[in-house]
Amino acid sequence: MLQALWLLANISPIFKKGERYLPANYRPVSLTCISSKLLEHIVVKHILNHFDYNNILVDCQHGFRSRRSCETQLVTFVQELSQSMHGGTRTDVAIMDFSKAFDKVPHQRLLLKLNHYGVRGATLGWIEGFLSNRKQRVLVDGVTSPWASVHSGVPQGTVLGPLLFLAYINDLPNYTESPIRLFADDCLLYRHKPRIPGPGQTHTEVCLCSMGSVPDEPHFPVRTSPEESCPLCLQQVP
């Protein structure tokens, strides 16, 4: 049972991009109790040790992991592109992300996945308590909104939240036909030897079609508009 104070969060909206008057263009960062963060560090350390020892997290995930970053993802992907070009093959790339992914994680499904990965007993019970009965309010320039209950998502700005998200999205590569690179919820799909597209279908659309095969995941709509996806076709010049 967690202290009620540990389940409260002041939301500080951090501007991302676009028009500043649109609430959707702000990232909700949770400002939570320091005591909770201290215990979260202990829980995260033990879960990460378990994940690393059993090699649970997929290798293509570079977000929120020790000795991995945007730079490591970029270096490994550029290396693959270079090898593809020197081999004379074509590479199609689509860059996407999931809409409000951190806020839409269903708690019960997350707990089932953690149990599947071996996080059980008192640790799983503590995480369930960490996610349950949470309340939050928006804080801007000293003015606060009324408290609102939180029924889904992992709190952004907490220590445990990013690891919970990685566990939830960990099986995504199992449902893609194309190679995939992940940095948290940012997703990069690519193919070095794509199938021949059908009538009216581009190589990139063939690459993207496999994303629709993820079973029963209406929580994470994929952004595939021209503004959010970028096909990149590389071919070695003779």
Protein backbone atom coordinates (compact mmCIF):
# COMPACT_ATOMS: atom_id res chain seq x y z
CA MET A 1 0.00 0.00 0.00
CA LEU A 2 1.51 3.29 -1.09
CA GLN A 3 1.11 6.58 0.72
CA ALA A 4 -1.68 8.70 -0.78
CA LEU A 5 0.79 11.58 -1.28
CA TRP A 6 2.93 9.35 -3.53
CA LEU A 7 0.01 8.94 -5.94
CA LEU A 8 -0.48 12.66 -6.53
CA ALA A 9 1.18 14.54 -9.37
CA ASN A 10 1.33 18.12 -10.53
CA ILE A 11 1.44 18.18 -14.32
CA SER A 12 3.86 20.65 -15.86
CA PRO A 13 3.07 21.06 -19.58
CA ILE A 14 6.28 21.13 -21.66
CA PHE A 15 5.93 22.59 -25.16
CA LYS A 16 6.97 20.22 -27.98
CA LYS A 17 6.17 21.77 -31.36
CA GLY A 18 3.43 23.40 -33.43
CA GLU A 19 0.97 26.03 -32.26
CA ARG A 20 1.40 26.99 -28.61
CA TYR A 21 -2.33 27.48 -28.03
CA LEU A 22 -3.11 23.79 -28.72
CA PRO A 23 -2.97 21.57 -25.59
CA ALA A 24 -2.04 18.56 -27.74
CA ASN A 25 1.32 20.20 -28.52
CA TYR A 26 2.49 19.97 -24.91
CA ARG A 27 4.09 17.01 -23.12
CA PRO A 28 2.56 16.34 -19.66
CA VAL A 29 5.47 15.86 -17.23
CA SER A 30 4.50 14.65 -13.76
CA LEU A 31 6.07 16.32 -10.74
CA THR A 32 5.82 13.71 -8.00
CA CYS A 33 6.91 13.09 -4.41
CA ILE A 34 10.68 12.80 -3.81
CA SER A 35 10.20 9.86 -1.41
CA SER A 36 8.40 7.96 -4.14
CA LYS A 37 11.23 8.62 -6.58
CA LEU A 38 13.79 7.20 -4.14
CA LEU A 39 11.90 3.92 -3.85
CA GLU A 40 11.28 3.88 -7.61
CA HIS A 41 15.06 3.92 -8.16
CA ILE A 42 15.37 0.74 -6.07
CA VAL A 43 12.52 -0.99 -7.92
CA VAL A 44 13.90 0.02 -11.33
CA LYS A 45 17.38 -1.26 -10.45
CA HIS A 46 16.10 -4.72 -9.52
CA ILE A 47 13.77 -4.99 -12.54
CA LEU A 48 16.54 -3.90 -14.92
CA ASN A 49 18.90 -6.46 -13.40
CA HIS A 50 16.25 -9.12 -14.01
CA PHE A 51 15.64 -7.93 -17.59
CA ASP A 52 19.36 -7.80 -18.39
CA TYR A 53 20.16 -11.18 -16.84
CA ASN A 54 17.37 -12.87 -18.79
CA ASN A 55 17.90 -10.79 -21.96
CA ILE A 56 14.24 -9.75 -22.01
CA LEU A 57 14.32 -6.31 -23.64
CA VAL A 58 14.61 -6.47 -27.42
CA ASP A 59 17.96 -5.45 -28.86
CA CYS A 60 16.39 -2.94 -31.27
CA GLN A 61 15.15 -0.76 -28.37
CA HIS A 62 17.57 2.11 -27.65
CA GLY A 63 15.40 4.29 -25.41
CA PHE A 64 15.88 4.68 -21.63
CA ARG A 65 18.62 2.02 -21.49
CA SER A 66 22.13 2.09 -20.11
CA ARG A 67 24.84 2.65 -22.73
CA ARG A 68 22.19 3.26 -25.39
CA SER A 69 20.92 6.51 -26.85
CA CYS A 70 19.78 8.28 -30.00
CA GLU A 71 23.42 8.19 -31.11
CA THR A 72 23.74 4.40 -30.80
CA GLN A 73 20.53 3.92 -32.75
CA LEU A 74 21.73 6.29 -35.46
CA VAL A 75 25.18 4.70 -35.75
CA THR A 76 23.85 1.15 -36.06
CA PHE A 77 21.20 2.15 -38.60
CA VAL A 78 23.61 4.18 -40.74
CA GLN A 79 25.94 1.18 -40.74
CA GLU A 80 23.13 -0.99 -42.11
CA LEU A 81 22.31 1.62 -44.76
CA SER A 82 25.96 1.74 -45.81
CA GLN A 83 26.14 -2.03 -46.14
CA SER A 84 22.91 -2.03 -48.14
CA MET A 85 24.18 0.61 -50.55
CA HIS A 86 27.48 -1.18 -51.10
CA GLY A 87 25.55 -4.37 -51.73
CA GLY A 88 23.54 -2.68 -54.47
CA THR A 89 20.17 -3.15 -52.74
CA ARG A 90 17.42 -0.62 -52.21
CA THR A 91 16.37 0.51 -48.72
CA ASP A 92 12.94 1.97 -47.93
CA VAL A 93 12.50 3.71 -44.59
CA ALA A 94 9.42 4.94 -42.73
CA ILE A 95 9.75 7.05 -39.57
CA MET A 96 6.72 7.06 -37.26
CA ASP A 97 5.62 7.39 -33.68
CA PHE A 98 2.62 6.40 -31.63
CA SER A 99 0.08 9.05 -30.72
CA LYS A 100 0.25 9.88 -26.98
CA ALA A 101 1.72 6.45 -26.30
CA PHE A 102 2.74 7.00 -22.66
CA ASP A 103 -0.74 8.23 -21.73
CA LYS A 104 -2.61 5.30 -23.31
CA VAL A 105 -0.95 2.26 -21.73
CA PRO A 106 -3.74 0.12 -20.20
CA HIS A 107 -2.75 -0.81 -16.67
CA GLN A 108 -4.13 -4.36 -16.54
CA ARG A 109 -2.49 -5.34 -19.82
CA LEU A 110 0.80 -3.84 -18.64
CA LEU A 111 0.63 -5.88 -15.42
CA LEU A 112 -0.04 -9.05 -17.42
CA LYS A 113 3.01 -8.38 -19.58
CA LEU A 114 5.19 -7.74 -16.52
CA ASN A 115 4.01 -11.02 -15.03
CA HIS A 116 4.87 -12.75 -18.31
CA TYR A 117 8.38 -11.29 -18.15
CA GLY A 118 8.89 -12.63 -14.63
CA VAL A 119 8.07 -9.54 -12.54
CA ARG A 120 5.83 -11.10 -9.92
CA GLY A 121 5.01 -11.26 -6.23
CA ALA A 122 5.56 -8.23 -4.02
CA THR A 123 7.26 -6.26 -6.81
CA LEU A 124 4.30 -6.65 -9.17
CA GLY A 125 1.92 -5.79 -6.32
CA TRP A 126 3.89 -2.63 -5.58
CA ILE A 127 3.76 -1.59 -9.25
CA GLU A 128 0.01 -2.20 -9.31
CA GLY A 129 -0.33 0.07 -6.29
CA PHE A 130 1.91 2.64 -7.99
CA LEU A 131 -0.43 2.74 -11.01
CA SER A 132 -3.76 2.58 -9.13
CA ASN A 133 -5.77 5.44 -7.66
CA ARG A 134 -3.46 8.09 -9.07
CA LYS A 135 -4.62 11.69 -9.32
CA GLN A 136 -3.15 14.64 -11.13
CA ARG A 137 -3.71 18.31 -11.75
CA VAL A 138 -2.18 20.82 -14.15
CA LEU A 139 0.07 23.49 -12.64
CA VAL A 140 0.83 26.62 -14.70
CA ASP A 141 2.28 29.83 -13.24
CA GLY A 142 1.09 28.93 -9.76
CA VAL A 143 -2.48 28.26 -10.88
CA THR A 144 -3.83 24.70 -10.61
CA SER A 145 -6.70 22.82 -12.18
CA PRO A 146 -9.02 20.53 -10.16
CA TRP A 147 -7.71 17.05 -9.35
CA ALA A 148 -8.52 14.37 -11.94
CA SER A 149 -8.26 10.60 -11.65
CA VAL A 150 -5.79 8.73 -13.90
CA HIS A 151 -7.13 5.51 -15.41
CA SER A 152 -4.42 4.67 -17.96
CA GLY A 153 -0.87 5.48 -18.93
CA VAL A 154 2.50 5.54 -17.19
CA PRO A 155 3.38 8.84 -15.47
CA GLN A 156 5.91 10.83 -17.49
CA GLY A 157 8.53 12.42 -15.27
CA THR A 158 8.67 9.50 -12.84
CA VAL A 159 11.64 7.13 -12.49
CA LEU A 160 9.63 3.95 -13.04
CA GLY A 161 7.41 5.18 -15.89
CA PRO A 162 9.91 4.80 -18.78
CA LEU A 163 10.82 1.22 -17.81
CA LEU A 164 7.15 0.26 -17.60
CA PHE A 165 6.62 1.64 -21.09
CA LEU A 166 9.58 -0.32 -22.46
CA ALA A 167 8.12 -3.50 -20.99
CA TYR A 168 4.72 -2.79 -22.53
CA ILE A 169 6.02 -2.11 -26.04
CA ASN A 170 8.71 -4.82 -25.91
CA ASP A 171 6.84 -7.35 -28.07
CA LEU A 172 6.11 -4.93 -30.93
CA PRO A 173 8.91 -6.31 -33.19
CA ASN A 174 7.14 -9.70 -33.10
CA TYR A 175 4.31 -8.21 -35.15
CA THR A 176 6.24 -6.46 -37.90
CA GLU A 177 7.32 -8.00 -41.17
CA SER A 178 10.10 -5.45 -41.59
CA PRO A 179 13.21 -4.80 -39.47
CA ILE A 180 12.49 -2.20 -36.81
CA ARG A 181 14.39 0.27 -34.64
CA LEU A 182 12.85 1.78 -31.52
CA PHE A 183 13.66 4.71 -29.29
CA ALA A 184 10.89 4.48 -26.69
CA ASP A 185 7.74 5.20 -28.78
CA ASP A 186 9.61 6.48 -31.86
CA CYS A 187 9.53 3.75 -34.48
CA LEU A 188 11.65 3.29 -37.58
CA LEU A 189 10.66 0.58 -40.09
CA TYR A 190 12.86 -0.30 -43.06
CA ARG A 191 13.51 -2.93 -45.68
CA HIS A 192 16.61 -3.68 -47.69
CA LYS A 193 14.90 -6.11 -50.09
CA PRO A 194 11.20 -5.19 -50.10
CA ARG A 195 8.54 -7.18 -51.82
CA ILE A 196 7.31 -6.00 -55.21
CA PRO A 197 4.52 -3.50 -54.54
CA GLY A 198 1.06 -4.18 -55.83
CA PRO A 199 -0.91 -1.83 -58.12
CA GLY A 200 -1.00 1.68 -56.69
CA GLN A 201 1.06 0.68 -53.65
CA THR A 202 4.47 2.14 -52.89
CA HIS A 203 7.39 0.27 -51.34
CA THR A 204 6.94 2.27 -48.13
CA GLU A 205 3.25 1.31 -47.91
CA VAL A 206 4.27 -2.34 -48.14
CA CYS A 207 6.72 -1.68 -45.31
CA LEU A 208 3.99 -0.08 -43.19
CA CYS A 209 1.23 -2.59 -43.80
CA SER A 210 2.61 -5.02 -41.20
CA MET A 211 1.96 -2.49 -38.41
CA GLY A 212 -1.74 -3.24 -38.75
CA SER A 213 -1.14 -6.84 -37.68
CA VAL A 214 -0.55 -5.99 -34.01
CA PRO A 215 -3.44 -7.83 -32.30
CA ASP A 216 -6.00 -5.96 -30.24
CA GLU A 217 -3.97 -2.76 -29.75
CA PRO A 218 -6.41 0.11 -30.35
CA HIS A 219 -4.63 2.17 -27.68
CA PHE A 220 -1.70 3.13 -29.91
CA PRO A 221 -2.81 4.70 -33.20
CA VAL A 222 0.19 4.94 -35.52
CA ARG A 223 0.87 8.31 -37.12
CA THR A 224 1.25 7.65 -40.84
CA SER A 225 0.32 11.03 -42.29
CA PRO A 226 2.80 12.65 -44.71
CA GLU A 227 3.85 15.02 -41.93
CA GLU A 228 4.76 12.17 -39.58
CA SER A 229 6.23 9.54 -41.92
CA CYS A 230 9.17 9.94 -44.24
CA PRO A 231 10.03 7.41 -46.95
CA LEU A 232 13.74 7.30 -47.67
CA CYS A 233 14.94 5.28 -50.65
CA LEU A 234 18.67 4.76 -51.04
CA GLN A 235 20.34 3.02 -53.93
CA GLN A 236 23.98 2.87 -54.87
CA VAL A 237 24.73 4.91 -58.00
CA PRO A 238 26.55 2.75 -60.61
